[in-house]
Amino acid sequence: MRLRVAYWLVSVAMVFCLCLSVERRAYAYVDPGSGLLMLQAAGAVFTGVLFTIRKRIKSLFGRSRPEAAKATDANRQG
């Protein structure tokens, strides 16, 4: 597993260095709306991650109930 991660990191670093070494002029226009679009995309990704791991977040900030209360609730239901 560590070998895969190391291989991936080395590959990403090599591609990044290659991109920096073959620099060209970009004849493109970026308007202010593009920055807002990137901000919106970052917010959507952040919200999606929070939504995906919401149970873990709730367990971090929530209080756990004592075992006696859990047993009492189980007896009432069953």
N, C-alpha and C. Protein backbone atom coordinates (compact mmCIF):
# COMPACT_ATOMS: atom_id res chain seq x y z
N MET A 1 0.83 -1.20 0.00
CA MET A 1 0.00 0.00 0.00
C MET A 1 0.87 1.26 0.00
N ARG A 2 1.91 1.26 0.83
CA ARG A 2 2.79 2.43 0.89
C ARG A 2 3.49 2.64 -0.44
N LEU A 3 3.80 1.54 -1.13
CA LEU A 3 4.48 1.65 -2.42
C LEU A 3 3.58 2.34 -3.44
N ARG A 4 2.29 2.04 -3.39
CA ARG A 4 1.35 2.69 -4.30
C ARG A 4 1.26 4.19 -4.04
N VAL A 5 1.19 4.56 -2.77
CA VAL A 5 1.10 5.97 -2.41
C VAL A 5 2.37 6.69 -2.82
N ALA A 6 3.52 6.08 -2.56
CA ALA A 6 4.80 6.70 -2.94
C ALA A 6 4.88 6.85 -4.46
N TYR A 7 4.46 5.84 -5.19
CA TYR A 7 4.47 5.90 -6.65
C TYR A 7 3.57 7.02 -7.15
N TRP A 8 2.39 7.15 -6.54
CA TRP A 8 1.45 8.19 -6.93
C TRP A 8 2.02 9.57 -6.66
N LEU A 9 2.61 9.76 -5.48
CA LEU A 9 3.18 11.06 -5.14
C LEU A 9 4.33 11.44 -6.05
N VAL A 10 5.18 10.49 -6.37
CA VAL A 10 6.30 10.75 -7.28
C VAL A 10 5.77 11.10 -8.67
N SER A 11 4.75 10.40 -9.11
CA SER A 11 4.17 10.67 -10.42
C SER A 11 3.57 12.07 -10.48
N VAL A 12 2.85 12.46 -9.46
CA VAL A 12 2.25 13.79 -9.42
C VAL A 12 3.33 14.86 -9.40
N ALA A 13 4.39 14.64 -8.61
CA ALA A 13 5.48 15.61 -8.54
C ALA A 13 6.18 15.74 -9.89
N MET A 14 6.35 14.63 -10.59
CA MET A 14 7.01 14.68 -11.90
C MET A 14 6.15 15.43 -12.92
N VAL A 15 4.86 15.19 -12.92
CA VAL A 15 3.97 15.89 -13.85
C VAL A 15 3.95 17.38 -13.53
N PHE A 16 3.94 17.74 -12.25
CA PHE A 16 3.95 19.14 -11.85
C PHE A 16 5.23 19.83 -12.33
N CYS A 17 6.36 19.18 -12.13
CA CYS A 17 7.64 19.75 -12.58
C CYS A 17 7.68 19.87 -14.10
N LEU A 18 7.13 18.89 -14.78
CA LEU A 18 7.09 18.94 -16.24
C LEU A 18 6.22 20.09 -16.72
N CYS A 19 5.10 20.32 -16.06
CA CYS A 19 4.22 21.44 -16.42
C CYS A 19 4.92 22.77 -16.22
N LEU A 20 5.71 22.89 -15.18
CA LEU A 20 6.43 24.14 -14.94
C LEU A 20 7.58 24.34 -15.93
N SER A 21 8.15 23.26 -16.42
CA SER A 21 9.31 23.39 -17.30
C SER A 21 8.92 23.72 -18.75
N VAL A 22 7.71 23.44 -19.15
CA VAL A 22 7.28 23.73 -20.53
C VAL A 22 6.27 24.86 -20.54
N GLU A 23 6.64 25.94 -19.93
CA GLU A 23 5.74 27.08 -19.80
C GLU A 23 5.54 27.77 -21.14
N ARG A 24 4.29 28.13 -21.42
CA ARG A 24 3.95 28.89 -22.62
C ARG A 24 3.02 30.02 -22.23
N ARG A 25 2.93 30.99 -23.07
CA ARG A 25 1.99 32.08 -22.83
C ARG A 25 0.57 31.58 -23.05
N ALA A 26 -0.29 31.98 -22.17
CA ALA A 26 -1.70 31.62 -22.31
C ALA A 26 -2.45 32.87 -22.75
N TYR A 27 -2.90 32.87 -23.97
CA TYR A 27 -3.66 34.00 -24.48
C TYR A 27 -5.13 33.75 -24.16
N ALA A 28 -5.47 34.02 -22.92
CA ALA A 28 -6.83 33.76 -22.47
C ALA A 28 -7.31 34.94 -21.63
N TYR A 29 -8.59 35.07 -21.56
CA TYR A 29 -9.20 36.14 -20.79
C TYR A 29 -9.95 35.51 -19.62
N VAL A 30 -9.68 35.98 -18.44
CA VAL A 30 -10.37 35.49 -17.25
C VAL A 30 -11.13 36.66 -16.65
N ASP A 31 -12.44 36.57 -16.66
CA ASP A 31 -13.25 37.65 -16.11
C ASP A 31 -13.54 37.40 -14.62
N PRO A 32 -14.06 38.38 -13.92
CA PRO A 32 -14.32 38.21 -12.48
C PRO A 32 -15.30 37.08 -12.16
N GLY A 33 -16.17 36.76 -13.07
CA GLY A 33 -17.11 35.67 -12.83
C GLY A 33 -16.43 34.32 -12.74
N SER A 34 -15.26 34.18 -13.38
CA SER A 34 -14.54 32.91 -13.31
C SER A 34 -14.05 32.63 -11.90
N GLY A 35 -13.59 33.68 -11.22
CA GLY A 35 -13.15 33.50 -9.84
C GLY A 35 -14.30 33.10 -8.94
N LEU A 36 -15.45 33.69 -9.17
CA LEU A 36 -16.63 33.33 -8.38
C LEU A 36 -17.06 31.90 -8.67
N LEU A 37 -16.92 31.47 -9.91
CA LEU A 37 -17.25 30.10 -10.27
C LEU A 37 -16.32 29.11 -9.57
N MET A 38 -15.03 29.44 -9.49
CA MET A 38 -14.08 28.57 -8.77
C MET A 38 -14.41 28.53 -7.28
N LEU A 39 -14.78 29.67 -6.71
CA LEU A 39 -15.16 29.72 -5.30
C LEU A 39 -16.41 28.88 -5.05
N GLN A 40 -17.35 28.94 -5.96
CA GLN A 40 -18.58 28.15 -5.83
C GLN A 40 -18.27 26.65 -5.92
N ALA A 41 -17.38 26.28 -6.82
CA ALA A 41 -17.01 24.86 -6.96
C ALA A 41 -16.30 24.37 -5.70
N ALA A 42 -15.42 25.18 -5.13
CA ALA A 42 -14.72 24.79 -3.90
C ALA A 42 -15.72 24.64 -2.75
N GLY A 43 -16.67 25.52 -2.67
CA GLY A 43 -17.70 25.42 -1.63
C GLY A 43 -18.55 24.18 -1.79
N ALA A 44 -18.87 23.84 -3.03
CA ALA A 44 -19.67 22.64 -3.29
C ALA A 44 -18.91 21.38 -2.89
N VAL A 45 -17.62 21.35 -3.18
CA VAL A 45 -16.81 20.19 -2.80
C VAL A 45 -16.73 20.08 -1.28
N PHE A 46 -16.50 21.20 -0.61
CA PHE A 46 -16.42 21.21 0.85
C PHE A 46 -17.73 20.75 1.47
N THR A 47 -18.85 21.24 0.98
CA THR A 47 -20.15 20.86 1.49
C THR A 47 -20.43 19.38 1.22
N GLY A 48 -20.03 18.91 0.06
CA GLY A 48 -20.22 17.49 -0.27
C GLY A 48 -19.43 16.58 0.65
N VAL A 49 -18.22 16.98 0.98
CA VAL A 49 -17.40 16.18 1.90
C VAL A 49 -18.03 16.18 3.29
N LEU A 50 -18.48 17.34 3.76
CA LEU A 50 -19.14 17.39 5.06
C LEU A 50 -20.41 16.54 5.08
N PHE A 51 -21.16 16.57 4.01
CA PHE A 51 -22.39 15.79 3.94
C PHE A 51 -22.07 14.29 3.97
N THR A 52 -20.98 13.92 3.31
CA THR A 52 -20.60 12.51 3.24
C THR A 52 -20.15 11.98 4.60
N ILE A 53 -19.45 12.79 5.37
CA ILE A 53 -18.92 12.31 6.65
C ILE A 53 -19.67 12.89 7.84
N ARG A 54 -20.94 13.20 7.66
CA ARG A 54 -21.71 13.86 8.72
C ARG A 54 -21.86 12.99 9.96
N LYS A 55 -21.93 11.68 9.82
CA LYS A 55 -22.07 10.82 11.00
C LYS A 55 -20.83 10.91 11.88
N ARG A 56 -19.67 10.95 11.26
CA ARG A 56 -18.44 11.08 12.04
C ARG A 56 -18.37 12.43 12.74
N ILE A 57 -18.83 13.47 12.06
CA ILE A 57 -18.82 14.80 12.65
C ILE A 57 -19.77 14.86 13.85
N LYS A 58 -20.95 14.25 13.69
CA LYS A 58 -21.91 14.24 14.80
C LYS A 58 -21.34 13.48 15.99
N SER A 59 -20.64 12.39 15.75
CA SER A 59 -20.08 11.62 16.86
C SER A 59 -18.96 12.39 17.56
N LEU A 60 -18.28 13.27 16.86
CA LEU A 60 -17.23 14.07 17.49
C LEU A 60 -17.81 15.11 18.44
N PHE A 61 -18.90 15.75 18.05
CA PHE A 61 -19.45 16.84 18.83
C PHE A 61 -20.62 16.44 19.71
N GLY A 62 -21.19 15.28 19.48
CA GLY A 62 -22.33 14.85 20.28
C GLY A 62 -21.89 14.14 21.54
N ARG A 63 -22.77 14.14 22.52
CA ARG A 63 -22.49 13.41 23.75
C ARG A 63 -22.97 11.98 23.59
N SER A 64 -22.17 11.05 24.07
CA SER A 64 -22.62 9.67 24.01
C SER A 64 -23.50 9.39 25.23
N ARG A 65 -24.54 8.60 25.02
CA ARG A 65 -25.46 8.29 26.09
C ARG A 65 -24.89 7.17 26.94
N PRO A 66 -25.16 7.17 28.22
CA PRO A 66 -24.69 6.08 29.08
C PRO A 66 -25.30 4.75 28.65
N GLU A 67 -24.61 3.68 28.97
CA GLU A 67 -25.06 2.34 28.57
C GLU A 67 -26.40 1.99 29.21
N ALA A 68 -26.65 2.45 30.42
CA ALA A 68 -27.91 2.14 31.10
C ALA A 68 -29.10 2.74 30.35
N ALA A 69 -28.94 3.95 29.82
CA ALA A 69 -30.01 4.59 29.07
C ALA A 69 -30.27 3.85 27.76
N LYS A 70 -29.21 3.37 27.13
CA LYS A 70 -29.37 2.61 25.89
C LYS A 70 -30.12 1.30 26.15
N ALA A 71 -29.79 0.64 27.24
CA ALA A 71 -30.44 -0.63 27.57
C ALA A 71 -31.92 -0.41 27.89
N THR A 72 -32.21 0.69 28.59
CA THR A 72 -33.61 1.01 28.92
C THR A 72 -34.41 1.26 27.66
N ASP A 73 -33.84 2.00 26.70
CA ASP A 73 -34.53 2.25 25.43
C ASP A 73 -34.75 0.96 24.67
N ALA A 74 -33.80 0.07 24.70
CA ALA A 74 -33.93 -1.20 23.99
C ALA A 74 -35.04 -2.04 24.60
N ASN A 75 -35.17 -2.01 25.93
CA ASN A 75 -36.23 -2.77 26.60
C ASN A 75 -37.61 -2.20 26.29
N ARG A 76 -37.70 -0.90 26.16
CA ARG A 76 -38.99 -0.27 25.87
C ARG A 76 -39.45 -0.60 24.45
N GLN A 77 -38.53 -0.68 23.52
CA GLN A 77 -38.89 -0.94 22.13
C GLN A 77 -39.21 -2.40 21.88
N GLY A 78 -38.54 -3.29 22.56
CA GLY A 78 -38.68 -4.70 22.23
C GLY A 78 -39.46 -5.45 23.20
